Amino acid sequence: MTDVNGEQQCFICTEPMKIVAVGECEHRICHVCSLRLRALYKNNHCAYCKTEQAWVIFSEDPLREYSSFGENEPACVDATLGIRYQHQETFAESTRLLKLACPKDGCSDVVGHWAKLKAHVRDEHRLSFCDLCCKYKKAFAHEHQLFTRNQLRDHYRGVSREPSEGFRGHPECGFCKQNFYDDDQLYEHCRDRHEQCHLCVRAGVGRQQYYRNYKELEGHFNQDHFPCMYEACLESKFVVFSTDIDLKAHEVSGQ
């Protein structure tokens, strides 16, 4: 993939590739995207053909083939990430991306773990990270946003100006008042911690409706459906029907 100037572009981020990552399949992406996939996503598959790449080479030569590199040619090797570096400078540049560097413009501080970095931006810059983004967003430390208290509140609500399009905030569980990274996490939480009416879901009218607990769901059953009131069925829970006819058939059959 090339741009209007004939430069090789990464097909993932579309940025010019000054350093390429190439594997045995000979497909190539930029070293930043490759490092993100291997270090943050724990994904060693080729982003193009999906074949697993035990090793990739980071090279400044965008057209050089993987097979042309000798076994001992790379200057540095990272066995943990499966990366061979053509030159020492390439290794240093990649290592810099993985460091816990302060994202604040003009600050060059680098620390050893996240707790220290969070304390640094709080004490030195009077700013904060978003804990959910730090935990779940696949970004290098220096790529994360910093927020004032009001900005962080707006960020959670999705009313701040985000650099990435489509961000709508971190959704909140209306029962627990707990925020989640995205809608998928909120759905998992509601599915595991709260209750949903299977009859409404089956009818296609209650896919987004949840109840705090079974007691509240039972109130919905009593109001909108036809629950069996026999003691054994009440103890079993969820013995409820869409119509009075179905309930009577259940009572007659004794099941």
Foldseek 3Di string as FASTA:
>chain_A
DADPVRADAFPPPRHGAQKWKAAQVRDIGHPVVLCLCQPQVVAQADPPPRHGGQAIEIGRDSRDGPVVDDPPQFPDADNSSRYGYNDPVVVVVSVVQQFQAALDPPGGDTDDDDVVNQVCCCVPVVWGFDPQCVVPPSGGNNPTDIHHPVRSVCQQCQNDDDPDPPRRHFDADPQPRDTHNDPVVVVVCQVPQWAFQPVCVVVVRTPPDTHRHLVRVVVVLVPQWAADPDPVSVVVPPRTGHDPVVNVVCVVVVD
